[in-house]
Amino acid sequence: MEIGFLNFYSGVLGASQDRAALIANNIANADTPGFKAKDIDFATAMAAQAANPDHTADTSQYRASGAVGLDGNDVSLDGERVEAARNAETMGAASTFLHQSTADLVMALRPNPSGN
């Protein structure tokens, strides 16, 4: 039996995990000359996951930020922190929904102890 929302939220968590790794990489390279920040377009990542659930495609792309430093680096630490917080909220919401939904499924599958 395949449950659609489990597959969807699995994709949400996978895309959020990939995005968290890219944000961490951006922060780690904030002082690297010529480094260009990368991010994941969430809609593209979800479309790729829907097309092929068993394969994770690299949907990362360079972030189009405005300011580029004299060394060619375009990472904004404040901007990365904001994106990390947004991503954490997405992951938290998806995991809370999955937790509650699976708990509801388990409860629905249990036999009724009163026999009604």
PDB file of N, CA and C in Angstrom:
ATOM      1  N   MET A   1       0.842  -1.175   0.000  1.00  0.00           N
ATOM      2  CA  MET A   1       0.000   0.000   0.000  1.00  0.00           C
ATOM      3  C   MET A   1       0.890   1.241   0.000  1.00  0.00           C
ATOM      4  N   GLU A   2       0.607   2.138  -0.904  1.00  0.00           N
ATOM      5  CA  GLU A   2       1.388   3.361  -1.005  1.00  0.00           C
ATOM      6  C   GLU A   2       0.545   4.528  -0.499  1.00  0.00           C
ATOM      7  N   ILE A   3       1.115   5.302   0.404  1.00  0.00           N
ATOM      8  CA  ILE A   3       0.405   6.432   0.988  1.00  0.00           C
ATOM      9  C   ILE A   3       1.040   7.701   0.438  1.00  0.00           C
ATOM     10  N   GLY A   4       0.253   8.465  -0.314  1.00  0.00           N
ATOM     11  CA  GLY A   4       0.767   9.619  -1.046  1.00  0.00           C
ATOM     12  C   GLY A   4       1.420  10.686  -0.190  1.00  0.00           C
ATOM     13  N   PHE A   5       0.797  11.028   0.939  1.00  0.00           N
ATOM     14  CA  PHE A   5       1.362  12.112   1.734  1.00  0.00           C
ATOM     15  C   PHE A   5       2.695  11.726   2.349  1.00  0.00           C
ATOM     16  N   LEU A   6       2.908  10.428   2.599  1.00  0.00           N
ATOM     17  CA  LEU A   6       4.206  10.003   3.126  1.00  0.00           C
ATOM     18  C   LEU A   6       5.303  10.221   2.084  1.00  0.00           C
ATOM     19  N   ASN A   7       5.009   9.905   0.839  1.00  0.00           N
ATOM     20  CA  ASN A   7       5.983  10.137  -0.224  1.00  0.00           C
ATOM     21  C   ASN A   7       6.244  11.621  -0.419  1.00  0.00           C
ATOM     22  N   PHE A   8       5.178  12.424  -0.381  1.00  0.00           N
ATOM     23  CA  PHE A   8       5.336  13.865  -0.574  1.00  0.00           C
ATOM     24  C   PHE A   8       6.194  14.468   0.531  1.00  0.00           C
ATOM     25  N   TYR A   9       5.861  14.172   1.781  1.00  0.00           N
ATOM     26  CA  TYR A   9       6.615  14.777   2.880  1.00  0.00           C
ATOM     27  C   TYR A   9       8.011  14.180   3.023  1.00  0.00           C
ATOM     28  N   SER A  10       8.204  12.983   2.528  1.00  0.00           N
ATOM     29  CA  SER A  10       9.557  12.443   2.438  1.00  0.00           C
ATOM     30  C   SER A  10      10.381  13.297   1.470  1.00  0.00           C
ATOM     31  N   GLY A  11       9.764  13.700   0.367  1.00  0.00           N
ATOM     32  CA  GLY A  11      10.431  14.583  -0.585  1.00  0.00           C
ATOM     33  C   GLY A  11      10.699  15.959   0.002  1.00  0.00           C
ATOM     34  N   VAL A  12       9.745  16.472   0.784  1.00  0.00           N
ATOM     35  CA  VAL A  12       9.930  17.770   1.433  1.00  0.00           C
ATOM     36  C   VAL A  12      11.130  17.715   2.372  1.00  0.00           C
ATOM     37  N   LEU A  13      11.193  16.656   3.179  1.00  0.00           N
ATOM     38  CA  LEU A  13      12.313  16.528   4.120  1.00  0.00           C
ATOM     39  C   LEU A  13      13.631  16.315   3.391  1.00  0.00           C
ATOM     40  N   GLY A  14      13.616  15.561   2.307  1.00  0.00           N
ATOM     41  CA  GLY A  14      14.835  15.347   1.531  1.00  0.00           C
ATOM     42  C   GLY A  14      15.348  16.638   0.904  1.00  0.00           C
ATOM     43  N   ALA A  15      14.433  17.416   0.312  1.00  0.00           N
ATOM     44  CA  ALA A  15      14.834  18.693  -0.288  1.00  0.00           C
ATOM     45  C   ALA A  15      15.326  19.661   0.784  1.00  0.00           C
ATOM     46  N   SER A  16      14.671  19.657   1.941  1.00  0.00           N
ATOM     47  CA  SER A  16      15.100  20.534   3.039  1.00  0.00           C
ATOM     48  C   SER A  16      16.464  20.128   3.574  1.00  0.00           C
ATOM     49  N   GLN A  17      16.718  18.826   3.620  1.00  0.00           N
ATOM     50  CA  GLN A  17      18.023  18.348   4.073  1.00  0.00           C
ATOM     51  C   GLN A  17      19.117  18.763   3.088  1.00  0.00           C
ATOM     52  N   ASP A  18      18.835  18.620   1.798  1.00  0.00           N
ATOM     53  CA  ASP A  18      19.808  19.047   0.785  1.00  0.00           C
ATOM     54  C   ASP A  18      20.049  20.549   0.863  1.00  0.00           C
ATOM     55  N   ARG A  19      18.976  21.306   1.101  1.00  0.00           N
ATOM     56  CA  ARG A  19      19.103  22.762   1.205  1.00  0.00           C
ATOM     57  C   ARG A  19      19.914  23.149   2.436  1.00  0.00           C
ATOM     58  N   ALA A  20      19.709  22.447   3.547  1.00  0.00           N
ATOM     59  CA  ALA A  20      20.484  22.730   4.762  1.00  0.00           C
ATOM     60  C   ALA A  20      21.971  22.501   4.512  1.00  0.00           C
ATOM     61  N   ALA A  21      22.303  21.444   3.766  1.00  0.00           N
ATOM     62  CA  ALA A  21      23.712  21.170   3.451  1.00  0.00           C
ATOM     63  C   ALA A  21      24.302  22.276   2.579  1.00  0.00           C
ATOM     64  N   LEU A  22      23.534  22.769   1.603  1.00  0.00           N
ATOM     65  CA  LEU A  22      24.033  23.850   0.752  1.00  0.00           C
ATOM     66  C   LEU A  22      24.213  25.142   1.534  1.00  0.00           C
ATOM     67  N   ILE A  23      23.263  25.446   2.421  1.00  0.00           N
ATOM     68  CA  ILE A  23      23.382  26.658   3.239  1.00  0.00           C
ATOM     69  C   ILE A  23      24.606  26.569   4.135  1.00  0.00           C
ATOM     70  N   ALA A  24      24.833  25.400   4.725  1.00  0.00           N
ATOM     71  CA  ALA A  24      26.022  25.213   5.566  1.00  0.00           C
ATOM     72  C   ALA A  24      27.297  25.373   4.749  1.00  0.00           C
ATOM     73  N   ASN A  25      27.288  24.870   3.525  1.00  0.00           N
ATOM     74  CA  ASN A  25      28.447  25.021   2.647  1.00  0.00           C
ATOM     75  C   ASN A  25      28.669  26.488   2.285  1.00  0.00           C
ATOM     76  N   ASN A  26      27.585  27.201   2.048  1.00  0.00           N
ATOM     77  CA  ASN A  26      27.706  28.634   1.750  1.00  0.00           C
ATOM     78  C   ASN A  26      28.334  29.377   2.922  1.00  0.00           C
ATOM     79  N   ILE A  27      27.874  29.085   4.121  1.00  0.00           N
ATOM     80  CA  ILE A  27      28.411  29.743   5.317  1.00  0.00           C
ATOM     81  C   ILE A  27      29.878  29.384   5.510  1.00  0.00           C
ATOM     82  N   ALA A  28      30.211  28.118   5.285  1.00  0.00           N
ATOM     83  CA  ALA A  28      31.599  27.683   5.461  1.00  0.00           C
ATOM     84  C   ALA A  28      32.537  28.370   4.464  1.00  0.00           C
ATOM     85  N   ASN A  29      32.017  28.747   3.310  1.00  0.00           N
ATOM     86  CA  ASN A  29      32.845  29.375   2.280  1.00  0.00           C
ATOM     87  C   ASN A  29      32.634  30.876   2.182  1.00  0.00           C
ATOM     88  N   ALA A  30      32.153  31.497   3.252  1.00  0.00           N
ATOM     89  CA  ALA A  30      31.874  32.933   3.231  1.00  0.00           C
ATOM     90  C   ALA A  30      33.133  33.766   2.992  1.00  0.00           C
ATOM     91  N   ASP A  31      34.298  33.238   3.334  1.00  0.00           N
ATOM     92  CA  ASP A  31      35.545  33.976   3.141  1.00  0.00           C
ATOM     93  C   ASP A  31      36.383  33.442   1.979  1.00  0.00           C
ATOM     94  N   THR A  32      35.829  32.543   1.188  1.00  0.00           N
ATOM     95  CA  THR A  32      36.562  31.973   0.061  1.00  0.00           C
ATOM     96  C   THR A  32      36.446  32.893  -1.145  1.00  0.00           C
ATOM     97  N   PRO A  33      37.567  33.386  -1.657  1.00  0.00           N
ATOM     98  CA  PRO A  33      37.507  34.291  -2.814  1.00  0.00           C
ATOM     99  C   PRO A  33      36.859  33.607  -4.026  1.00  0.00           C
ATOM    100  N   GLY A  34      35.954  34.333  -4.665  1.00  0.00           N
ATOM    101  CA  GLY A  34      35.317  33.833  -5.880  1.00  0.00           C
ATOM    102  C   GLY A  34      34.202  32.826  -5.663  1.00  0.00           C
ATOM    103  N   PHE A  35      33.876  32.515  -4.412  1.00  0.00           N
ATOM    104  CA  PHE A  35      32.828  31.519  -4.152  1.00  0.00           C
ATOM    105  C   PHE A  35      31.459  32.105  -4.455  1.00  0.00           C
ATOM    106  N   LYS A  36      30.624  31.338  -5.127  1.00  0.00           N
ATOM    107  CA  LYS A  36      29.259  31.742  -5.448  1.00  0.00           C
ATOM    108  C   LYS A  36      28.288  30.884  -4.644  1.00  0.00           C
ATOM    109  N   ALA A  37      27.382  31.542  -3.935  1.00  0.00           N
ATOM    110  CA  ALA A  37      26.404  30.836  -3.093  1.00  0.00           C
ATOM    111  C   ALA A  37      25.458  30.015  -3.956  1.00  0.00           C
ATOM    112  N   LYS A  38      25.110  28.825  -3.459  1.00  0.00           N
ATOM    113  CA  LYS A  38      24.174  27.928  -4.137  1.00  0.00           C
ATOM    114  C   LYS A  38      22.949  27.742  -3.259  1.00  0.00           C
ATOM    115  N   ASP A  39      21.843  27.415  -3.894  1.00  0.00           N
ATOM    116  CA  ASP A  39      20.600  27.137  -3.186  1.00  0.00           C
ATOM    117  C   ASP A  39      19.799  26.150  -4.014  1.00  0.00           C
ATOM    118  N   ILE A  40      18.699  25.690  -3.454  1.00  0.00           N
ATOM    119  CA  ILE A  40      17.811  24.770  -4.149  1.00  0.00           C
ATOM    120  C   ILE A  40      16.487  25.479  -4.393  1.00  0.00           C
ATOM    121  N   ASP A  41      16.007  25.407  -5.615  1.00  0.00           N
ATOM    122  CA  ASP A  41      14.662  25.878  -5.904  1.00  0.00           C
ATOM    123  C   ASP A  41      13.711  24.774  -5.460  1.00  0.00           C
ATOM    124  N   PHE A  42      12.896  25.077  -4.456  1.00  0.00           N
ATOM    125  CA  PHE A  42      12.061  24.057  -3.835  1.00  0.00           C
ATOM    126  C   PHE A  42      11.086  23.436  -4.832  1.00  0.00           C
ATOM    127  N   ALA A  43      10.466  24.250  -5.686  1.00  0.00           N
ATOM    128  CA  ALA A  43       9.504  23.732  -6.656  1.00  0.00           C
ATOM    129  C   ALA A  43      10.168  22.772  -7.637  1.00  0.00           C
ATOM    130  N   THR A  44      11.365  23.109  -8.084  1.00  0.00           N
ATOM    131  CA  THR A  44      12.098  22.235  -9.002  1.00  0.00           C
ATOM    132  C   THR A  44      12.487  20.931  -8.323  1.00  0.00           C
ATOM    133  N   ALA A  45      12.921  21.023  -7.068  1.00  0.00           N
ATOM    134  CA  ALA A  45      13.300  19.816  -6.327  1.00  0.00           C
ATOM    135  C   ALA A  45      12.104  18.897  -6.116  1.00  0.00           C
ATOM    136  N   MET A  46      10.948  19.482  -5.802  1.00  0.00           N
ATOM    137  CA  MET A  46       9.754  18.659  -5.593  1.00  0.00           C
ATOM    138  C   MET A  46       9.266  18.045  -6.900  1.00  0.00           C
ATOM    139  N   ALA A  47       9.381  18.784  -8.004  1.00  0.00           N
ATOM    140  CA  ALA A  47       8.992  18.237  -9.306  1.00  0.00           C
ATOM    141  C   ALA A  47       9.899  17.079  -9.700  1.00  0.00           C
ATOM    142  N   ALA A  48      11.196  17.212  -9.438  1.00  0.00           N
ATOM    143  CA  ALA A  48      12.133  16.129  -9.741  1.00  0.00           C
ATOM    144  C   ALA A  48      11.854  14.907  -8.875  1.00  0.00           C
ATOM    145  N   GLN A  49      11.498  15.141  -7.617  1.00  0.00           N
ATOM    146  CA  GLN A  49      11.188  14.030  -6.707  1.00  0.00           C
ATOM    147  C   GLN A  49       9.889  13.353  -7.120  1.00  0.00           C
ATOM    148  N   ALA A  50       8.902  14.129  -7.579  1.00  0.00           N
ATOM    149  CA  ALA A  50       7.627  13.557  -8.013  1.00  0.00           C
ATOM    150  C   ALA A  50       7.800  12.735  -9.281  1.00  0.00           C
ATOM    151  N   ALA A  51       8.695  13.182 -10.169  1.00  0.00           N
ATOM    152  CA  ALA A  51       8.926  12.472 -11.420  1.00  0.00           C
ATOM    153  C   ALA A  51       9.625  11.138 -11.193  1.00  0.00           C
ATOM    154  N   ASN A  52      10.545  11.107 -10.239  1.00  0.00           N
ATOM    155  CA  ASN A  52      11.292   9.879  -9.962  1.00  0.00           C
ATOM    156  C   ASN A  52      11.572   9.795  -8.470  1.00  0.00           C
ATOM    157  N   PRO A  53      10.663   9.204  -7.680  1.00  0.00           N
ATOM    158  CA  PRO A  53      10.804   9.183  -6.221  1.00  0.00           C
ATOM    159  C   PRO A  53      12.033   8.423  -5.711  1.00  0.00           C
ATOM    160  N   ASP A  54      12.550   7.498  -6.512  1.00  0.00           N
ATOM    161  CA  ASP A  54      13.674   6.682  -6.053  1.00  0.00           C
ATOM    162  C   ASP A  54      15.026   7.307  -6.361  1.00  0.00           C
ATOM    163  N   HIS A  55      15.039   8.441  -7.030  1.00  0.00           N
ATOM    164  CA  HIS A  55      16.301   9.056  -7.438  1.00  0.00           C
ATOM    165  C   HIS A  55      16.313  10.509  -6.992  1.00  0.00           C
ATOM    166  N   THR A  56      17.379  10.923  -6.328  1.00  0.00           N
ATOM    167  CA  THR A  56      17.510  12.322  -5.924  1.00  0.00           C
ATOM    168  C   THR A  56      18.382  13.042  -6.947  1.00  0.00           C
ATOM    169  N   ALA A  57      17.784  13.991  -7.613  1.00  0.00           N
ATOM    170  CA  ALA A  57      18.493  14.762  -8.628  1.00  0.00           C
ATOM    171  C   ALA A  57      19.132  15.989  -7.995  1.00  0.00           C
ATOM    172  N   ASP A  58      20.250  16.413  -8.545  1.00  0.00           N
ATOM    173  CA  ASP A  58      20.898  17.633  -8.072  1.00  0.00           C
ATOM    174  C   ASP A  58      20.183  18.822  -8.704  1.00  0.00           C
ATOM    175  N   THR A  59      19.385  19.515  -7.905  1.00  0.00           N
ATOM    176  CA  THR A  59      18.629  20.663  -8.405  1.00  0.00           C
ATOM    177  C   THR A  59      19.206  21.967  -7.887  1.00  0.00           C
ATOM    178  N   SER A  60      20.449  21.928  -7.416  1.00  0.00           N
ATOM    179  CA  SER A  60      21.047  23.148  -6.889  1.00  0.00           C
ATOM    180  C   SER A  60      21.389  24.100  -8.029  1.00  0.00           C
ATOM    181  N   GLN A  61      21.347  25.371  -7.704  1.00  0.00           N
ATOM    182  CA  GLN A  61      21.684  26.400  -8.679  1.00  0.00           C
ATOM    183  C   GLN A  61      22.323  27.559  -7.934  1.00  0.00           C
ATOM    184  N   TYR A  62      23.047  28.382  -8.681  1.00  0.00           N
ATOM    185  CA  TYR A  62      23.664  29.540  -8.059  1.00  0.00           C
ATOM    186  C   TYR A  62      22.588  30.526  -7.645  1.00  0.00           C
ATOM    187  N   ARG A  63      22.744  31.062  -6.457  1.00  0.00           N
ATOM    188  CA  ARG A  63      21.781  32.037  -5.947  1.00  0.00           C
ATOM    189  C   ARG A  63      22.056  33.387  -6.593  1.00  0.00           C
ATOM    190  N   ALA A  64      20.999  34.021  -7.021  1.00  0.00           N
ATOM    191  CA  ALA A  64      21.130  35.339  -7.657  1.00  0.00           C
ATOM    192  C   ALA A  64      21.021  36.412  -6.582  1.00  0.00           C
ATOM    193  N   SER A  65      22.113  36.628  -5.883  1.00  0.00           N
ATOM    194  CA  SER A  65      22.114  37.673  -4.867  1.00  0.00           C
ATOM    195  C   SER A  65      22.680  38.943  -5.489  1.00  0.00           C
ATOM    196  N   GLY A  66      22.425  40.052  -4.850  1.00  0.00           N
ATOM    197  CA  GLY A  66      22.827  41.321  -5.430  1.00  0.00           C
ATOM    198  C   GLY A  66      24.268  41.700  -5.179  1.00  0.00           C
ATOM    199  N   ALA A  67      24.741  41.570  -3.963  1.00  0.00           N
ATOM    200  CA  ALA A  67      26.050  42.103  -3.597  1.00  0.00           C
ATOM    201  C   ALA A  67      27.158  41.072  -3.791  1.00  0.00           C
ATOM    202  N   VAL A  68      28.196  41.510  -4.489  1.00  0.00           N
ATOM    203  CA  VAL A  68      29.380  40.678  -4.666  1.00  0.00           C
ATOM    204  C   VAL A  68      30.555  41.470  -4.101  1.00  0.00           C
ATOM    205  N   GLY A  69      31.347  40.813  -3.241  1.00  0.00           N
ATOM    206  CA  GLY A  69      32.487  41.486  -2.619  1.00  0.00           C
ATOM    207  C   GLY A  69      33.620  41.708  -3.595  1.00  0.00           C
ATOM    208  N   LEU A  70      34.623  42.424  -3.141  1.00  0.00           N
ATOM    209  CA  LEU A  70      35.790  42.698  -3.980  1.00  0.00           C
ATOM    210  C   LEU A  70      36.529  41.430  -4.377  1.00  0.00           C
ATOM    211  N   ASP A  71      36.418  40.398  -3.552  1.00  0.00           N
ATOM    212  CA  ASP A  71      37.085  39.134  -3.862  1.00  0.00           C
ATOM    213  C   ASP A  71      36.219  38.214  -4.732  1.00  0.00           C
ATOM    214  N   GLY A  72      35.034  38.675  -5.148  1.00  0.00           N
ATOM    215  CA  GLY A  72      34.162  37.876  -6.006  1.00  0.00           C
ATOM    216  C   GLY A  72      33.216  36.966  -5.253  1.00  0.00           C
ATOM    217  N   ASN A  73      33.248  37.007  -3.947  1.00  0.00           N
ATOM    218  CA  ASN A  73      32.380  36.165  -3.121  1.00  0.00           C
ATOM    219  C   ASN A  73      31.039  36.869  -2.938  1.00  0.00           C
ATOM    220  N   ASP A  74      29.936  36.128  -3.110  1.00  0.00           N
ATOM    221  CA  ASP A  74      28.620  36.749  -2.966  1.00  0.00           C
ATOM    222  C   ASP A  74      27.811  36.204  -1.781  1.00  0.00           C
ATOM    223  N   VAL A  75      28.466  35.571  -0.822  1.00  0.00           N
ATOM    224  CA  VAL A  75      27.772  35.013   0.343  1.00  0.00           C
ATOM    225  C   VAL A  75      27.508  36.121   1.358  1.00  0.00           C
ATOM    226  N   SER A  76      26.247  36.236   1.762  1.00  0.00           N
ATOM    227  CA  SER A  76      25.849  37.151   2.825  1.00  0.00           C
ATOM    228  C   SER A  76      25.537  36.311   4.055  1.00  0.00           C
ATOM    229  N   LEU A  77      26.330  36.452   5.103  1.00  0.00           N
ATOM    230  CA  LEU A  77      26.110  35.635   6.294  1.00  0.00           C
ATOM    231  C   LEU A  77      24.733  35.875   6.905  1.00  0.00           C
ATOM    232  N   ASP A  78      24.293  37.118   6.939  1.00  0.00           N
ATOM    233  CA  ASP A  78      22.960  37.404   7.470  1.00  0.00           C
ATOM    234  C   ASP A  78      21.873  36.749   6.612  1.00  0.00           C
ATOM    235  N   GLY A  79      22.026  36.841   5.320  1.00  0.00           N
ATOM    236  CA  GLY A  79      21.066  36.203   4.419  1.00  0.00           C
ATOM    237  C   GLY A  79      21.042  34.696   4.570  1.00  0.00           C
ATOM    238  N   GLU A  80      22.210  34.096   4.752  1.00  0.00           N
ATOM    239  CA  GLU A  80      22.280  32.643   4.933  1.00  0.00           C
ATOM    240  C   GLU A  80      21.621  32.223   6.244  1.00  0.00           C
ATOM    241  N   ARG A  81      21.789  33.042   7.277  1.00  0.00           N
ATOM    242  CA  ARG A  81      21.145  32.728   8.561  1.00  0.00           C
ATOM    243  C   ARG A  81      19.625  32.771   8.436  1.00  0.00           C
ATOM    244  N   VAL A  82      19.126  33.755   7.706  1.00  0.00           N
ATOM    245  CA  VAL A  82      17.681  33.855   7.491  1.00  0.00           C
ATOM    246  C   VAL A  82      17.179  32.638   6.719  1.00  0.00           C
ATOM    247  N   GLU A  83      17.897  32.261   5.673  1.00  0.00           N
ATOM    248  CA  GLU A  83      17.496  31.093   4.882  1.00  0.00           C
ATOM    249  C   GLU A  83      17.582  29.812   5.710  1.00  0.00           C
ATOM    250  N   ALA A  84      18.584  29.705   6.574  1.00  0.00           N
ATOM    251  CA  ALA A  84      18.698  28.534   7.450  1.00  0.00           C
ATOM    252  C   ALA A  84      17.515  28.460   8.405  1.00  0.00           C
ATOM    253  N   ALA A  85      17.078  29.601   8.931  1.00  0.00           N
ATOM    254  CA  ALA A  85      15.927  29.620   9.830  1.00  0.00           C
ATOM    255  C   ALA A  85      14.648  29.234   9.097  1.00  0.00           C
ATOM    256  N   ARG A  86      14.478  29.748   7.881  1.00  0.00           N
ATOM    257  CA  ARG A  86      13.295  29.380   7.080  1.00  0.00           C
ATOM    258  C   ARG A  86      13.299  27.885   6.776  1.00  0.00           C
ATOM    259  N   ASN A  87      14.449  27.377   6.425  1.00  0.00           N
ATOM    260  CA  ASN A  87      14.555  25.957   6.113  1.00  0.00           C
ATOM    261  C   ASN A  87      14.267  25.105   7.343  1.00  0.00           C
ATOM    262  N   ALA A  88      14.740  25.539   8.499  1.00  0.00           N
ATOM    263  CA  ALA A  88      14.477  24.799   9.741  1.00  0.00           C
ATOM    264  C   ALA A  88      12.982  24.778  10.055  1.00  0.00           C
ATOM    265  N   GLU A  89      12.290  25.885   9.784  1.00  0.00           N
ATOM    266  CA  GLU A  89      10.846  25.916   9.988  1.00  0.00           C
ATOM    267  C   GLU A  89      10.134  24.935   9.062  1.00  0.00           C
ATOM    268  N   THR A  90      10.567  24.870   7.817  1.00  0.00           N
ATOM    269  CA  THR A  90       9.978  23.930   6.862  1.00  0.00           C
ATOM    270  C   THR A  90      10.191  22.495   7.324  1.00  0.00           C
ATOM    271  N   MET A  91      11.412  22.180   7.754  1.00  0.00           N
ATOM    272  CA  MET A  91      11.703  20.825   8.227  1.00  0.00           C
ATOM    273  C   MET A  91      10.898  20.491   9.477  1.00  0.00           C
ATOM    274  N   GLY A  92      10.797  21.437  10.391  1.00  0.00           N
ATOM    275  CA  GLY A  92      10.042  21.209  11.616  1.00  0.00           C
ATOM    276  C   GLY A  92       8.572  20.971  11.344  1.00  0.00           C
ATOM    277  N   ALA A  93       8.002  21.776  10.445  1.00  0.00           N
ATOM    278  CA  ALA A  93       6.586  21.608  10.109  1.00  0.00           C
ATOM    279  C   ALA A  93       6.332  20.269   9.426  1.00  0.00           C
ATOM    280  N   ALA A  94       7.204  19.897   8.495  1.00  0.00           N
ATOM    281  CA  ALA A  94       7.026  18.621   7.788  1.00  0.00           C
ATOM    282  C   ALA A  94       7.176  17.439   8.735  1.00  0.00           C
ATOM    283  N   SER A  95       8.153  17.487   9.625  1.00  0.00           N
ATOM    284  CA  SER A  95       8.333  16.358  10.549  1.00  0.00           C
ATOM    285  C   SER A  95       7.203  16.286  11.569  1.00  0.00           C
ATOM    286  N   THR A  96       6.677  17.426  12.012  1.00  0.00           N
ATOM    287  CA  THR A  96       5.537  17.422  12.929  1.00  0.00           C
ATOM    288  C   THR A  96       4.309  16.839  12.250  1.00  0.00           C
ATOM    289  N   PHE A  97       4.066  17.244  11.006  1.00  0.00           N
ATOM    290  CA  PHE A  97       2.926  16.704  10.265  1.00  0.00           C
ATOM    291  C   PHE A  97       3.072  15.194  10.082  1.00  0.00           C
ATOM    292  N   LEU A  98       4.261  14.749   9.697  1.00  0.00           N
ATOM    293  CA  LEU A  98       4.482  13.309   9.508  1.00  0.00           C
ATOM    294  C   LEU A  98       4.295  12.539  10.804  1.00  0.00           C
ATOM    295  N   HIS A  99       4.814  13.075  11.893  1.00  0.00           N
ATOM    296  CA  HIS A  99       4.680  12.403  13.181  1.00  0.00           C
ATOM    297  C   HIS A  99       3.210  12.243  13.562  1.00  0.00           C
ATOM    298  N   GLN A 100       2.448  13.332  13.459  1.00  0.00           N
ATOM    299  CA  GLN A 100       1.039  13.272  13.839  1.00  0.00           C
ATOM    300  C   GLN A 100       0.246  12.374  12.892  1.00  0.00           C
ATOM    301  N   SER A 101       0.540  12.452  11.600  1.00  0.00           N
ATOM    302  CA  SER A 101      -0.193  11.648  10.619  1.00  0.00           C
ATOM    303  C   SER A 101       0.070  10.160  10.797  1.00  0.00           C
ATOM    304  N   THR A 102       1.310   9.794  11.037  1.00  0.00           N
ATOM    305  CA  THR A 102       1.599   8.374  11.241  1.00  0.00           C
ATOM    306  C   THR A 102       1.026   7.885  12.565  1.00  0.00           C
ATOM    307  N   ALA A 103       1.005   8.741  13.584  1.00  0.00           N
ATOM    308  CA  ALA A 103       0.369   8.353  14.849  1.00  0.00           C
ATOM    309  C   ALA A 103      -1.124   8.139  14.638  1.00  0.00           C
ATOM    310  N   ASP A 104      -1.757   8.988  13.829  1.00  0.00           N
ATOM    311  CA  ASP A 104      -3.185   8.811  13.522  1.00  0.00           C
ATOM    312  C   ASP A 104      -3.424   7.521  12.746  1.00  0.00           C
ATOM    313  N   LEU A 105      -2.541   7.203  11.799  1.00  0.00           N
ATOM    314  CA  LEU A 105      -2.679   5.946  11.045  1.00  0.00           C
ATOM    315  C   LEU A 105      -2.553   4.734  11.951  1.00  0.00           C
ATOM    316  N   VAL A 106      -1.583   4.764  12.852  1.00  0.00           N
ATOM    317  CA  VAL A 106      -1.400   3.641  13.776  1.00  0.00           C
ATOM    318  C   VAL A 106      -2.637   3.474  14.649  1.00  0.00           C
ATOM    319  N   MET A 107      -3.187   4.587  15.115  1.00  0.00           N
ATOM    320  CA  MET A 107      -4.373   4.519  15.959  1.00  0.00           C
ATOM    321  C   MET A 107      -5.555   3.974  15.164  1.00  0.00           C
ATOM    322  N   ALA A 108      -5.689   4.378  13.918  1.00  0.00           N
ATOM    323  CA  ALA A 108      -6.804   3.902  13.085  1.00  0.00           C
ATOM    324  C   ALA A 108      -6.687   2.407  12.773  1.00  0.00           C
ATOM    325  N   LEU A 109      -5.469   1.892  12.727  1.00  0.00           N
ATOM    326  CA  LEU A 109      -5.267   0.478  12.400  1.00  0.00           C
ATOM    327  C   LEU A 109      -5.389  -0.449  13.610  1.00  0.00           C
ATOM    328  N   ARG A 110      -5.390   0.119  14.789  1.00  0.00           N
ATOM    329  CA  ARG A 110      -5.529  -0.714  15.994  1.00  0.00           C
ATOM    330  C   ARG A 110      -6.960  -1.207  16.117  1.00  0.00           C
ATOM    331  N   PRO A 111      -7.109  -2.417  16.606  1.00  0.00           N
ATOM    332  CA  PRO A 111      -8.475  -2.907  16.833  1.00  0.00           C
ATOM    333  C   PRO A 111      -9.136  -2.143  17.979  1.00  0.00           C
ATOM    334  N   ASN A 112     -10.440  -2.026  17.890  1.00  0.00           N
ATOM    335  CA  ASN A 112     -11.205  -1.333  18.915  1.00  0.00           C
ATOM    336  C   ASN A 112     -11.283  -2.209  20.164  1.00  0.00           C
ATOM    337  N   PRO A 113     -10.763  -1.784  21.298  1.00  0.00           N
ATOM    338  CA  PRO A 113     -10.747  -2.630  22.483  1.00  0.00           C
ATOM    339  C   PRO A 113     -12.145  -2.911  23.055  1.00  0.00           C
ATOM    340  N   SER A 114     -13.106  -2.035  22.787  1.00  0.00           N
ATOM    341  CA  SER A 114     -14.457  -2.263  23.319  1.00  0.00           C
ATOM    342  C   SER A 114     -15.273  -3.169  22.422  1.00  0.00           C
ATOM    343  N   GLY A 115     -14.781  -3.446  21.229  1.00  0.00           N
ATOM    344  CA  GLY A 115     -15.463  -4.360  20.324  1.00  0.00           C
ATOM    345  C   GLY A 115     -16.604  -3.732  19.552  1.00  0.00           C
ATOM    346  N   ASN A 116     -16.769  -2.433  19.612  1.00  0.00           N
ATOM    347  CA  ASN A 116     -17.861  -1.769  18.878  1.00  0.00           C
ATOM    348  C   ASN A 116     -17.482  -1.484  17.467  1.00  0.00           C
TER     349      ASN A 116
END
